[in-house]
């Protein structure tokens, strides 16, 4: 087997992986991603037993148990670049022998569930509602750095590029499906579903204007009006497509749940976003257990 060099997989002196500061025993079958480190405690307060906690940079982790199941909840920070770090390092912890620095013969698959916040792109998906992403739409280009073409939904991709007259000087957008089994646990009449779009930034890449002029001022309207069979683009955030893509490539299961704290179509913002997030946390934990 091919040896993985120390510059490619960096370990801390205690044997934990470099960024997220975890060892293999800290990775549970169910891993919950949150962006904000403070949201880790909002999730772990529901655990009936806490086994372990650690913190390094924006990556805060708590391991615990709920209703007989083991969970690891980790803050990823913001953006697909951080998702690239977190998922690759989590996968290394369960699928690479860290001492021998070779891939394990037996593959371990994790359940990766995002509990995040997002902005709705549709007027009928109001603030304080919950959205499950059936697909992730990636604008940020992360997956193009991997051999990932085989996991992209080509019909969706072609239809979207045509509908938006997508600029040729940007990274080609891609669509990746979630995991059906995890979706079935979390989708109900309480939850909207659709395509969750992932941007590489918060302002210009999401169509926000402060002092800088946008290259394509009509892009959000084009995104909002896109339809493919029964699908539409429901919301816009900064992590989902990277989670879906890397999970599929590495053999893990993933689903993204978002609390809608802003509606970009009618320019409204939640009056109590923390309550919306707490509702999503409780709903998601109940569904998973």
Protein backbone atom coordinates (compact mmCIF):
# COMPACT_ATOMS: atom_id res chain seq x y z
CA UNK A 1 0.00 0.00 0.00
CA UNK A 2 1.10 3.55 -0.72
CA UNK A 3 2.67 5.34 2.23
CA UNK A 4 1.20 8.77 3.09
CA UNK A 5 3.93 11.30 3.86
CA UNK A 6 4.06 13.41 7.02
CA UNK A 7 3.63 16.61 4.97
CA UNK A 8 0.37 15.28 3.47
CA UNK A 9 -1.27 14.04 6.67
CA UNK A 10 -0.03 16.17 9.54
CA UNK A 11 -0.31 14.89 13.11
CA UNK A 12 0.08 16.75 16.37
CA UNK A 13 2.64 15.52 18.96
CA UNK A 14 -0.12 13.66 20.83
CA UNK A 15 -1.11 11.75 17.66
CA UNK A 16 -4.26 13.74 16.88
CA UNK A 17 -4.86 15.09 13.39
CA UNK A 18 -3.51 18.57 12.85
CA UNK A 19 -6.48 20.93 12.50
CA UNK A 20 -9.41 19.32 14.27
CA UNK A 21 -7.26 17.94 17.12
CA UNK A 22 -9.02 14.57 17.29
CA UNK A 23 -7.93 10.94 17.57
CA UNK A 24 -9.76 7.94 16.06
CA UNK A 25 -11.59 7.15 19.31
CA UNK A 26 -13.25 10.58 19.21
CA UNK A 27 -15.11 9.93 15.94
CA UNK A 28 -18.64 8.57 16.38
CA UNK A 29 -20.77 6.87 13.71
CA UNK A 30 -22.96 10.02 13.76
CA UNK A 31 -21.14 13.32 13.23
CA UNK A 32 -22.96 16.64 13.39
CA UNK A 33 -21.48 19.71 11.73
CA UNK A 34 -22.27 23.21 12.95
CA UNK A 35 -20.58 26.37 11.75
CA UNK A 36 -20.43 28.42 14.94
CA UNK A 37 -18.28 27.00 17.80
CA UNK A 38 -20.90 28.32 20.26
CA UNK A 39 -23.52 26.13 18.58
CA UNK A 40 -21.64 22.99 19.67
CA UNK A 41 -22.90 23.53 23.22
CA UNK A 42 -26.44 24.18 21.95
CA UNK A 43 -26.34 20.67 20.47
CA UNK A 44 -24.40 18.84 23.20
CA UNK A 45 -26.65 20.14 26.00
CA UNK A 46 -29.14 17.53 24.76
CA UNK A 47 -26.65 14.68 25.28
CA UNK A 48 -27.30 12.43 28.25
CA UNK A 49 -23.58 11.80 28.71
CA UNK A 50 -20.48 13.80 27.69
CA UNK A 51 -17.34 11.73 26.99
CA UNK A 52 -14.86 14.21 25.57
CA UNK A 53 -14.37 17.80 24.42
CA UNK A 54 -11.56 19.72 22.75
CA UNK A 55 -11.00 22.99 20.90
CA UNK A 56 -8.46 24.24 18.38
CA UNK A 57 -8.90 27.33 16.21
CA UNK A 58 -12.54 27.37 15.03
CA UNK A 59 -12.84 23.60 15.46
CA UNK A 60 -14.60 22.81 18.75
CA UNK A 61 -15.71 19.21 19.36
CA UNK A 62 -17.87 17.45 21.94
CA UNK A 63 -18.43 13.68 21.99
CA UNK A 64 -21.44 12.30 23.83
CA UNK A 65 -24.39 9.93 23.91
CA UNK A 66 -28.09 10.39 23.32
CA UNK A 67 -30.72 7.65 23.55
CA UNK A 68 -28.09 4.94 23.28
CA UNK A 69 -26.37 6.44 20.25
CA UNK A 70 -22.95 8.07 20.15
CA UNK A 71 -22.52 11.49 18.53
CA UNK A 72 -19.60 13.73 17.69
CA UNK A 73 -20.56 17.37 17.17
CA UNK A 74 -17.90 19.60 15.64
CA UNK A 75 -17.84 23.24 14.58
CA UNK A 76 -16.45 23.66 11.09
CA UNK A 77 -16.28 27.43 10.91
CA UNK A 78 -17.51 29.10 7.73
CA UNK A 79 -16.98 28.02 4.16
CA UNK A 80 -16.11 25.12 1.86
CA UNK A 81 -12.39 25.47 2.57
CA UNK A 82 -13.02 24.50 6.19
CA UNK A 83 -15.27 21.63 5.11
CA UNK A 84 -12.37 20.34 2.99
CA UNK A 85 -10.22 20.22 6.15
CA UNK A 86 -12.83 18.70 8.46
CA UNK A 87 -14.11 15.91 6.20
CA UNK A 88 -10.67 14.86 4.96
CA UNK A 89 -9.34 14.72 8.53
CA UNK A 90 -12.39 12.87 9.87
CA UNK A 91 -12.05 10.35 7.05
CA UNK A 92 -8.35 9.94 7.81
CA UNK A 93 -9.17 9.15 11.43
CA UNK A 94 -11.40 6.21 10.51
CA UNK A 95 -9.95 5.01 7.18
CA UNK A 96 -6.18 5.52 7.52
CA UNK A 97 -3.85 3.70 9.90
CA UNK A 98 -2.18 6.77 11.41
CA UNK A 99 0.83 4.86 12.73
CA UNK A 100 1.61 2.95 9.52
CA UNK A 101 0.33 5.86 7.35
CA UNK A 102 -1.49 3.60 4.94
CA UNK A 103 -5.15 3.21 3.98
CA UNK A 104 -7.08 0.63 5.99
CA UNK A 105 -8.39 -2.39 4.12
CA UNK A 106 -11.83 -2.12 5.75
CA UNK A 107 -13.73 1.08 4.96
CA UNK A 108 -15.75 2.89 7.66
CA UNK A 109 -18.70 5.03 6.58
CA UNK A 110 -19.89 7.93 8.74
CA UNK A 111 -23.24 9.72 8.93
CA UNK A 112 -22.47 13.43 8.44
CA UNK A 113 -25.32 15.82 9.25
CA UNK A 114 -25.09 19.58 8.94
CA UNK A 115 -27.19 21.73 11.27
CA UNK A 116 -26.71 25.18 9.84
CA UNK A 117 -28.20 28.56 9.09
CA UNK A 118 -29.14 29.83 5.68
CA UNK A 119 -31.00 32.39 3.62
CA UNK A 120 -34.11 31.41 1.67
CA UNK A 121 -34.28 32.32 -2.03
CA UNK A 122 -38.02 31.64 -2.31
CA UNK A 123 -40.76 33.93 -0.98
CA UNK A 124 -42.84 31.00 0.27
CA UNK A 125 -39.98 29.63 2.43
CA UNK A 126 -40.21 32.07 5.36
CA UNK A 127 -37.75 32.98 8.07
CA UNK A 128 -37.68 30.54 11.01
CA UNK A 129 -38.56 27.57 8.78
CA UNK A 130 -36.39 24.47 8.22
CA UNK A 131 -34.95 23.27 4.90
CA UNK A 132 -33.45 19.93 3.93
CA UNK A 133 -31.12 19.99 0.94
CA UNK A 134 -31.95 17.21 -1.54
CA UNK A 135 -29.02 18.37 -3.65
CA UNK A 136 -26.09 20.67 -3.08
CA UNK A 137 -25.28 23.20 -5.80
CA UNK A 138 -21.65 24.23 -5.65
CA UNK A 139 -20.47 27.60 -6.95
CA UNK A 140 -17.17 27.58 -5.06
CA UNK A 141 -15.23 25.12 -7.24
CA UNK A 142 -13.82 22.93 -4.46
CA UNK A 143 -14.82 19.61 -6.03
CA UNK A 144 -13.03 20.45 -9.30
CA UNK A 145 -9.72 19.89 -7.48
CA UNK A 146 -10.65 16.19 -7.10
CA UNK A 147 -11.60 13.48 -9.60
CA UNK A 148 -15.28 14.10 -8.98
CA UNK A 149 -16.92 14.37 -12.39
CA UNK A 150 -18.66 11.00 -11.97
CA UNK A 151 -20.70 12.17 -8.96
CA UNK A 152 -22.13 15.31 -10.61
CA UNK A 153 -25.76 15.43 -11.75
CA UNK A 154 -25.11 16.35 -15.38
CA UNK A 155 -28.70 17.04 -16.47
CA UNK A 156 -29.18 19.47 -13.60
CA UNK A 157 -25.83 21.08 -14.32
CA UNK A 158 -26.53 21.60 -18.01
CA UNK A 159 -30.04 22.94 -17.39
CA UNK A 160 -28.77 25.40 -14.78
CA UNK A 161 -25.89 26.70 -16.89
CA UNK A 162 -28.29 27.28 -19.78
CA UNK A 163 -30.97 28.96 -17.64
CA UNK A 164 -28.55 31.38 -16.00
CA UNK A 165 -26.27 31.90 -19.00
CA UNK A 166 -23.58 31.13 -16.45
CA UNK A 167 -20.39 33.20 -16.90
CA UNK A 168 -17.59 31.25 -18.58
CA UNK A 169 -14.94 33.00 -16.48
CA UNK A 170 -16.28 31.36 -13.29
CA UNK A 171 -15.83 27.83 -11.98
CA UNK A 172 -18.45 25.50 -13.48
CA UNK A 173 -21.28 24.95 -10.96
CA UNK A 174 -22.03 21.35 -9.97
CA UNK A 175 -24.87 19.43 -8.33
CA UNK A 176 -24.43 16.53 -5.88
CA UNK A 177 -27.20 14.41 -4.31
CA UNK A 178 -27.61 13.85 -0.57
CA UNK A 179 -27.95 10.42 1.06
CA UNK A 180 -31.44 8.96 0.66
CA UNK A 181 -31.45 7.04 3.96
CA UNK A 182 -30.51 10.08 6.03
CA UNK A 183 -33.04 12.17 4.11
CA UNK A 184 -35.80 9.67 4.95
CA UNK A 185 -35.08 10.10 8.66
CA UNK A 186 -35.33 13.88 8.57
CA UNK A 187 -37.81 14.86 5.87
CA UNK A 188 -41.37 15.50 7.03
CA UNK A 189 -44.26 17.90 6.51
CA UNK A 190 -42.52 20.29 8.92
CA UNK A 191 -39.56 20.70 6.58
CA UNK A 192 -39.15 22.35 3.18
CA UNK A 193 -36.82 20.64 0.72
CA UNK A 194 -35.00 21.66 -2.42
CA UNK A 195 -31.57 22.39 -3.83
CA UNK A 196 -29.25 24.09 -1.33
CA UNK A 197 -26.79 26.38 -3.11
CA UNK A 198 -23.30 26.88 -1.69
CA UNK A 199 -21.36 30.10 -2.28
CA UNK A 200 -17.66 30.74 -1.76
CA UNK A 201 -18.28 33.98 0.14
CA UNK A 202 -20.94 35.90 2.06
CA UNK A 203 -21.23 39.22 0.22
CA UNK A 204 -20.56 39.37 -3.52
CA UNK A 205 -20.82 35.59 -4.08
CA UNK A 206 -24.29 35.69 -2.49
CA UNK A 207 -25.39 38.81 -4.35
CA UNK A 208 -25.07 41.25 -1.46
CA UNK A 209 -24.14 44.82 -2.28
CA UNK A 210 -22.41 47.13 0.20
CA UNK A 211 -19.84 49.29 -1.62
CA UNK A 212 -18.74 46.93 -4.39
CA UNK A 213 -20.63 46.52 -7.67
CA UNK A 214 -21.57 42.98 -8.66
CA UNK A 215 -20.37 41.35 -11.87
CA UNK A 216 -23.84 39.83 -12.47
CA UNK A 217 -26.47 41.75 -10.53
CA UNK A 218 -29.25 39.50 -11.84
CA UNK A 219 -27.71 36.19 -10.71
CA UNK A 220 -29.85 35.71 -7.58
CA UNK A 221 -33.00 36.27 -9.65
CA UNK A 222 -31.77 33.69 -12.19
CA UNK A 223 -31.03 31.23 -9.39
CA UNK A 224 -34.41 31.84 -7.75
CA UNK A 225 -36.33 31.25 -11.01
CA UNK A 226 -34.54 28.01 -11.96
CA UNK A 227 -36.76 24.92 -12.17
CA UNK A 228 -35.86 21.34 -13.09
CA UNK A 229 -38.79 18.90 -12.99
CA UNK A 230 -40.05 19.22 -9.38
CA UNK A 231 -36.84 20.81 -8.10
CA UNK A 232 -36.01 24.44 -7.34
CA UNK A 233 -33.18 26.16 -5.50
CA UNK A 234 -34.53 26.72 -2.01
CA UNK A 235 -31.71 28.39 -0.09
CA UNK A 236 -28.18 29.75 -0.22
CA UNK A 237 -25.34 29.18 2.28
CA UNK A 238 -21.64 28.23 2.33
CA UNK A 239 -21.09 24.53 3.14
CA UNK A 240 -23.58 22.00 1.76
CA UNK A 241 -22.22 21.18 -1.71
CA UNK A 242 -18.73 20.61 -0.28
CA UNK A 243 -20.17 18.27 2.38
CA UNK A 244 -22.18 16.29 -0.17
CA UNK A 245 -19.36 16.06 -2.69
CA UNK A 246 -16.54 15.05 -0.33
CA UNK A 247 -18.82 12.63 1.53
CA UNK A 248 -19.83 10.88 -1.67
CA UNK A 249 -16.23 10.67 -2.92
CA UNK A 250 -15.01 9.25 0.42
CA UNK A 251 -17.91 6.84 0.93
CA UNK A 252 -19.80 8.63 3.71
CA UNK A 253 -23.50 9.52 4.04
CA UNK A 254 -24.52 13.19 4.28
CA UNK A 255 -27.54 15.41 4.63
CA UNK A 256 -27.78 19.15 5.26
CA UNK A 257 -30.43 20.76 7.46
CA UNK A 258 -30.72 24.54 7.62
CA UNK A 259 -32.65 26.98 9.77
CA UNK A 260 -33.82 29.84 7.57
CA UNK A 261 -32.85 33.04 9.35
CA UNK A 262 -33.11 35.36 6.32
CA UNK A 263 -35.34 35.54 3.27
CA UNK A 264 -33.37 37.07 0.41
CA UNK A 265 -36.45 37.37 -1.82
CA UNK A 266 -38.41 39.65 0.53
CA UNK A 267 -35.39 41.06 2.44
CA UNK A 268 -36.55 39.88 5.89
CA UNK A 269 -34.48 38.53 8.81
CA UNK A 270 -35.55 36.40 11.76
CA UNK A 271 -36.39 38.28 14.95
CA UNK A 272 -35.07 35.35 17.00
CA UNK A 273 -32.53 33.32 14.97
CA UNK A 274 -31.30 31.45 18.07
CA UNK A 275 -34.77 30.05 18.66
CA UNK A 276 -34.94 28.94 15.01
CA UNK A 277 -31.61 27.15 15.36
CA UNK A 278 -32.64 25.47 18.64
CA UNK A 279 -35.81 24.21 16.99
CA UNK A 280 -33.76 22.72 14.14
CA UNK A 281 -31.33 21.08 16.58
CA UNK A 282 -34.13 19.40 18.50
CA UNK A 283 -35.90 18.30 15.33
CA UNK A 284 -32.71 16.84 13.83
CA UNK A 285 -31.63 14.99 16.97
CA UNK A 286 -35.10 13.50 17.35
CA UNK A 287 -35.02 12.34 13.73
CA UNK A 288 -31.58 10.76 14.04
CA UNK A 289 -32.42 8.90 17.26
